[in-house]
């Protein structure tokens, strides 16, 4: 995606590996928000609702995602809501975003999801890297990613 905001969610159908990676990323975003303070926080945990006017088939992306994230429930922060569309989810949606009930009465809601202001996050990373003495270069082509034997990235070799 080339937009200035990014959705952060654990809903990836049956892909448990991606759901776990997303939940870990959300934990890291929350830590980053705490470190930079609420006025500069790039991550906004608004939740995600996937709604439909028709009941969801068991093999739908939404139902598969719900089952996968439910199985990982112990990795979700305390106080978060994961539910099928129903009164608890609708109350949360009304409170968070003014949602009005429509014909979309089927689906799932996960309060453990959100979005990131990409420009703000990149600006924070650049400042943090520069403060650590990292040379930050714009519009530079990477010729090679330098990787150790244990698959950790050491850095990059620049073109030219």
C-alpha atoms as a PDB file:
ATOM      1  CA  UNK A   1       0.000   0.000   0.000  1.00  0.00           C
ATOM      2  CA  UNK A   2       1.204   3.496  -0.798  1.00  0.00           C
ATOM      3  CA  UNK A   3      -1.247   5.388   1.385  1.00  0.00           C
ATOM      4  CA  UNK A   4      -0.238   7.491   4.404  1.00  0.00           C
ATOM      5  CA  UNK A   5      -2.018   5.198   6.870  1.00  0.00           C
ATOM      6  CA  UNK A   6      -1.761   1.462   7.404  1.00  0.00           C
ATOM      7  CA  UNK A   7      -4.315  -0.936   8.875  1.00  0.00           C
ATOM      8  CA  UNK A   8      -2.948  -3.220  11.596  1.00  0.00           C
ATOM      9  CA  UNK A   9      -5.121  -6.287  12.153  1.00  0.00           C
ATOM     10  CA  UNK A  10      -4.836  -9.964  13.060  1.00  0.00           C
ATOM     11  CA  UNK A  11      -7.536 -11.054  10.608  1.00  0.00           C
ATOM     12  CA  UNK A  12      -5.773 -13.176   7.985  1.00  0.00           C
ATOM     13  CA  UNK A  13      -8.164 -16.077   7.473  1.00  0.00           C
ATOM     14  CA  UNK A  14      -6.530 -19.338   8.540  1.00  0.00           C
ATOM     15  CA  UNK A  15      -2.995 -17.833   8.566  1.00  0.00           C
ATOM     16  CA  UNK A  16      -2.116 -18.269  12.252  1.00  0.00           C
ATOM     17  CA  UNK A  17       1.482 -17.182  11.578  1.00  0.00           C
ATOM     18  CA  UNK A  18       0.366 -13.794  10.221  1.00  0.00           C
ATOM     19  CA  UNK A  19      -2.183 -13.340  13.007  1.00  0.00           C
ATOM     20  CA  UNK A  20       0.540 -13.956  15.626  1.00  0.00           C
ATOM     21  CA  UNK A  21       2.894 -11.567  13.848  1.00  0.00           C
ATOM     22  CA  UNK A  22       0.173  -8.891  13.807  1.00  0.00           C
ATOM     23  CA  UNK A  23      -0.610  -9.332  17.517  1.00  0.00           C
ATOM     24  CA  UNK A  24       3.112  -9.007  18.284  1.00  0.00           C
ATOM     25  CA  UNK A  25       3.312  -5.884  16.099  1.00  0.00           C
ATOM     26  CA  UNK A  26       0.350  -4.342  17.941  1.00  0.00           C
ATOM     27  CA  UNK A  27       2.099  -4.963  21.255  1.00  0.00           C
ATOM     28  CA  UNK A  28       5.184  -3.182  19.917  1.00  0.00           C
ATOM     29  CA  UNK A  29       3.060  -0.282  18.573  1.00  0.00           C
ATOM     30  CA  UNK A  30       1.492   0.129  22.033  1.00  0.00           C
ATOM     31  CA  UNK A  31       4.966   0.268  23.596  1.00  0.00           C
ATOM     32  CA  UNK A  32       6.067   2.827  21.016  1.00  0.00           C
ATOM     33  CA  UNK A  33       2.958   4.931  21.710  1.00  0.00           C
ATOM     34  CA  UNK A  34       3.768   4.862  25.430  1.00  0.00           C
ATOM     35  CA  UNK A  35       7.354   5.938  24.727  1.00  0.00           C
ATOM     36  CA  UNK A  36       6.482   8.885  22.464  1.00  0.00           C
ATOM     37  CA  UNK A  37       3.452  10.106  24.408  1.00  0.00           C
ATOM     38  CA  UNK A  38      -0.182  10.336  23.485  1.00  0.00           C
ATOM     39  CA  UNK A  39       0.039  13.512  21.407  1.00  0.00           C
ATOM     40  CA  UNK A  40       2.664  12.034  19.058  1.00  0.00           C
ATOM     41  CA  UNK A  41       1.432   8.430  19.042  1.00  0.00           C
ATOM     42  CA  UNK A  42       1.355   7.052  15.470  1.00  0.00           C
ATOM     43  CA  UNK A  43      -0.749   3.954  16.302  1.00  0.00           C
ATOM     44  CA  UNK A  44      -4.493   4.310  16.862  1.00  0.00           C
ATOM     45  CA  UNK A  45      -6.224   1.220  18.233  1.00  0.00           C
ATOM     46  CA  UNK A  46      -9.711   1.747  16.875  1.00  0.00           C
ATOM     47  CA  UNK A  47     -10.704  -1.882  16.296  1.00  0.00           C
ATOM     48  CA  UNK A  48     -11.935  -3.546  13.134  1.00  0.00           C
ATOM     49  CA  UNK A  49     -15.449  -4.603  12.179  1.00  0.00           C
ATOM     50  CA  UNK A  50     -16.102  -6.909   9.252  1.00  0.00           C
ATOM     51  CA  UNK A  51     -19.843  -6.736   8.624  1.00  0.00           C
ATOM     52  CA  UNK A  52     -22.224  -8.259   6.096  1.00  0.00           C
ATOM     53  CA  UNK A  53     -25.915  -8.053   5.326  1.00  0.00           C
ATOM     54  CA  UNK A  54     -26.055 -11.853   5.064  1.00  0.00           C
ATOM     55  CA  UNK A  55     -25.024 -14.551   7.550  1.00  0.00           C
ATOM     56  CA  UNK A  56     -21.399 -15.527   7.031  1.00  0.00           C
ATOM     57  CA  UNK A  57     -20.685 -18.982   5.606  1.00  0.00           C
ATOM     58  CA  UNK A  58     -18.402 -21.090   7.867  1.00  0.00           C
ATOM     59  CA  UNK A  59     -15.592 -20.996   5.286  1.00  0.00           C
ATOM     60  CA  UNK A  60     -15.744 -17.227   4.754  1.00  0.00           C
ATOM     61  CA  UNK A  61     -12.637 -15.148   5.354  1.00  0.00           C
ATOM     62  CA  UNK A  62     -14.380 -13.459   8.290  1.00  0.00           C
ATOM     63  CA  UNK A  63     -15.332 -16.725  10.023  1.00  0.00           C
ATOM     64  CA  UNK A  64     -11.907 -18.266   9.406  1.00  0.00           C
ATOM     65  CA  UNK A  65     -10.253 -15.127  10.780  1.00  0.00           C
ATOM     66  CA  UNK A  66     -12.529 -15.155  13.821  1.00  0.00           C
ATOM     67  CA  UNK A  67     -11.634 -18.808  14.555  1.00  0.00           C
ATOM     68  CA  UNK A  68      -7.900 -18.158  14.130  1.00  0.00           C
ATOM     69  CA  UNK A  69      -7.851 -15.036  16.322  1.00  0.00           C
ATOM     70  CA  UNK A  70     -10.092 -16.721  18.925  1.00  0.00           C
ATOM     71  CA  UNK A  71      -7.570 -19.566  19.189  1.00  0.00           C
ATOM     72  CA  UNK A  72      -4.885 -16.935  19.906  1.00  0.00           C
ATOM     73  CA  UNK A  73      -7.042 -15.170  22.508  1.00  0.00           C
ATOM     74  CA  UNK A  74      -4.419 -15.570  25.227  1.00  0.00           C
ATOM     75  CA  UNK A  75      -2.093 -13.339  23.195  1.00  0.00           C
ATOM     76  CA  UNK A  76      -4.594 -10.471  23.120  1.00  0.00           C
ATOM     77  CA  UNK A  77      -4.345  -7.725  25.752  1.00  0.00           C
ATOM     78  CA  UNK A  78      -6.731  -7.766  28.690  1.00  0.00           C
ATOM     79  CA  UNK A  79      -9.909  -5.803  28.145  1.00  0.00           C
ATOM     80  CA  UNK A  80     -10.091  -6.256  24.388  1.00  0.00           C
ATOM     81  CA  UNK A  81     -13.292  -7.465  22.781  1.00  0.00           C
ATOM     82  CA  UNK A  82     -13.449 -10.185  20.142  1.00  0.00           C
ATOM     83  CA  UNK A  83     -16.994 -11.081  19.223  1.00  0.00           C
ATOM     84  CA  UNK A  84     -19.356 -12.019  16.469  1.00  0.00           C
ATOM     85  CA  UNK A  85     -21.686  -9.203  15.508  1.00  0.00           C
ATOM     86  CA  UNK A  86     -24.143  -8.755  18.321  1.00  0.00           C
ATOM     87  CA  UNK A  87     -25.179  -6.262  20.938  1.00  0.00           C
ATOM     88  CA  UNK A  88     -21.772  -6.065  22.697  1.00  0.00           C
ATOM     89  CA  UNK A  89     -19.987  -5.399  19.403  1.00  0.00           C
ATOM     90  CA  UNK A  90     -22.651  -2.904  18.296  1.00  0.00           C
ATOM     91  CA  UNK A  91     -22.433  -1.000  21.608  1.00  0.00           C
ATOM     92  CA  UNK A  92     -18.667  -0.734  21.190  1.00  0.00           C
ATOM     93  CA  UNK A  93     -19.022   0.431  17.585  1.00  0.00           C
ATOM     94  CA  UNK A  94     -21.592   3.053  18.584  1.00  0.00           C
ATOM     95  CA  UNK A  95     -19.337   4.352  21.366  1.00  0.00           C
ATOM     96  CA  UNK A  96     -16.119   4.384  19.324  1.00  0.00           C
ATOM     97  CA  UNK A  97     -17.256   5.678  15.975  1.00  0.00           C
ATOM     98  CA  UNK A  98     -20.930   6.590  16.116  1.00  0.00           C
ATOM     99  CA  UNK A  99     -21.937   3.547  14.096  1.00  0.00           C
ATOM    100  CA  UNK A 100     -25.634   3.361  13.338  1.00  0.00           C
ATOM    101  CA  UNK A 101     -27.333   0.022  12.894  1.00  0.00           C
ATOM    102  CA  UNK A 102     -27.996  -0.803   9.265  1.00  0.00           C
ATOM    103  CA  UNK A 103     -28.737  -3.938   7.317  1.00  0.00           C
ATOM    104  CA  UNK A 104     -25.161  -5.075   8.130  1.00  0.00           C
ATOM    105  CA  UNK A 105     -26.008  -7.212  11.170  1.00  0.00           C
ATOM    106  CA  UNK A 106     -23.666 -10.169  10.591  1.00  0.00           C
ATOM    107  CA  UNK A 107     -19.916 -10.337  10.949  1.00  0.00           C
ATOM    108  CA  UNK A 108     -17.166  -9.965  13.514  1.00  0.00           C
ATOM    109  CA  UNK A 109     -15.609  -7.246  15.650  1.00  0.00           C
ATOM    110  CA  UNK A 110     -12.113  -7.172  17.136  1.00  0.00           C
ATOM    111  CA  UNK A 111     -11.149  -4.198  19.296  1.00  0.00           C
ATOM    112  CA  UNK A 112      -7.494  -5.306  19.063  1.00  0.00           C
ATOM    113  CA  UNK A 113      -6.792  -3.683  15.691  1.00  0.00           C
ATOM    114  CA  UNK A 114      -6.124  -0.220  14.407  1.00  0.00           C
ATOM    115  CA  UNK A 115      -4.188   1.952  12.029  1.00  0.00           C
ATOM    116  CA  UNK A 116      -0.813   3.684  11.869  1.00  0.00           C
ATOM    117  CA  UNK A 117      -0.001   7.146  10.565  1.00  0.00           C
ATOM    118  CA  UNK A 118       2.847   6.021   8.328  1.00  0.00           C
ATOM    119  CA  UNK A 119       4.377   9.467   7.815  1.00  0.00           C
ATOM    120  CA  UNK A 120       4.472  10.117  11.564  1.00  0.00           C
ATOM    121  CA  UNK A 121       5.953   6.672  12.276  1.00  0.00           C
ATOM    122  CA  UNK A 122       8.690   7.110   9.642  1.00  0.00           C
ATOM    123  CA  UNK A 123       9.540  10.576  11.010  1.00  0.00           C
ATOM    124  CA  UNK A 124       9.902   9.096  14.523  1.00  0.00           C
ATOM    125  CA  UNK A 125      12.134   6.284  13.210  1.00  0.00           C
ATOM    126  CA  UNK A 126      14.350   8.721  11.326  1.00  0.00           C
ATOM    127  CA  UNK A 127      14.774  10.902  14.426  1.00  0.00           C
ATOM    128  CA  UNK A 128      15.531   7.895  16.650  1.00  0.00           C
ATOM    129  CA  UNK A 129      18.047   6.496  14.157  1.00  0.00           C
ATOM    130  CA  UNK A 130      19.796   9.859  13.756  1.00  0.00           C
ATOM    131  CA  UNK A 131      19.976  10.228  17.559  1.00  0.00           C
ATOM    132  CA  UNK A 132      21.798   6.865  17.686  1.00  0.00           C
ATOM    133  CA  UNK A 133      24.304   8.034  15.099  1.00  0.00           C
ATOM    134  CA  UNK A 134      22.816   6.237  12.107  1.00  0.00           C
ATOM    135  CA  UNK A 135      23.384   7.982   8.797  1.00  0.00           C
ATOM    136  CA  UNK A 136      19.953   8.443   7.223  1.00  0.00           C
ATOM    137  CA  UNK A 137      20.013   8.882   3.446  1.00  0.00           C
ATOM    138  CA  UNK A 138      17.069   9.710   1.212  1.00  0.00           C
ATOM    139  CA  UNK A 139      16.489   8.496  -2.349  1.00  0.00           C
ATOM    140  CA  UNK A 140      19.331   5.987  -2.154  1.00  0.00           C
ATOM    141  CA  UNK A 141      19.225   2.679  -3.998  1.00  0.00           C
ATOM    142  CA  UNK A 142      20.019  -0.456  -2.001  1.00  0.00           C
ATOM    143  CA  UNK A 143      22.287  -2.867  -3.886  1.00  0.00           C
ATOM    144  CA  UNK A 144      22.335  -5.643  -1.283  1.00  0.00           C
ATOM    145  CA  UNK A 145      20.880  -6.536   2.119  1.00  0.00           C
ATOM    146  CA  UNK A 146      23.650  -7.820   4.407  1.00  0.00           C
ATOM    147  CA  UNK A 147      22.491 -10.894   6.355  1.00  0.00           C
ATOM    148  CA  UNK A 148      24.337 -12.892   9.024  1.00  0.00           C
ATOM    149  CA  UNK A 149      24.384 -16.698   9.043  1.00  0.00           C
ATOM    150  CA  UNK A 150      21.605 -16.713  11.674  1.00  0.00           C
ATOM    151  CA  UNK A 151      19.402 -14.665   9.263  1.00  0.00           C
ATOM    152  CA  UNK A 152      19.712 -11.409  11.227  1.00  0.00           C
ATOM    153  CA  UNK A 153      20.033  -8.328   9.072  1.00  0.00           C
ATOM    154  CA  UNK A 154      23.268  -6.431   9.613  1.00  0.00           C
ATOM    155  CA  UNK A 155      22.635  -3.575   7.233  1.00  0.00           C
ATOM    156  CA  UNK A 156      22.663  -2.709   3.563  1.00  0.00           C
ATOM    157  CA  UNK A 157      25.217  -2.043   0.856  1.00  0.00           C
ATOM    158  CA  UNK A 158      24.248   1.010  -1.157  1.00  0.00           C
ATOM    159  CA  UNK A 159      24.419   1.248  -4.931  1.00  0.00           C
ATOM    160  CA  UNK A 160      26.944   3.539  -6.556  1.00  0.00           C
END
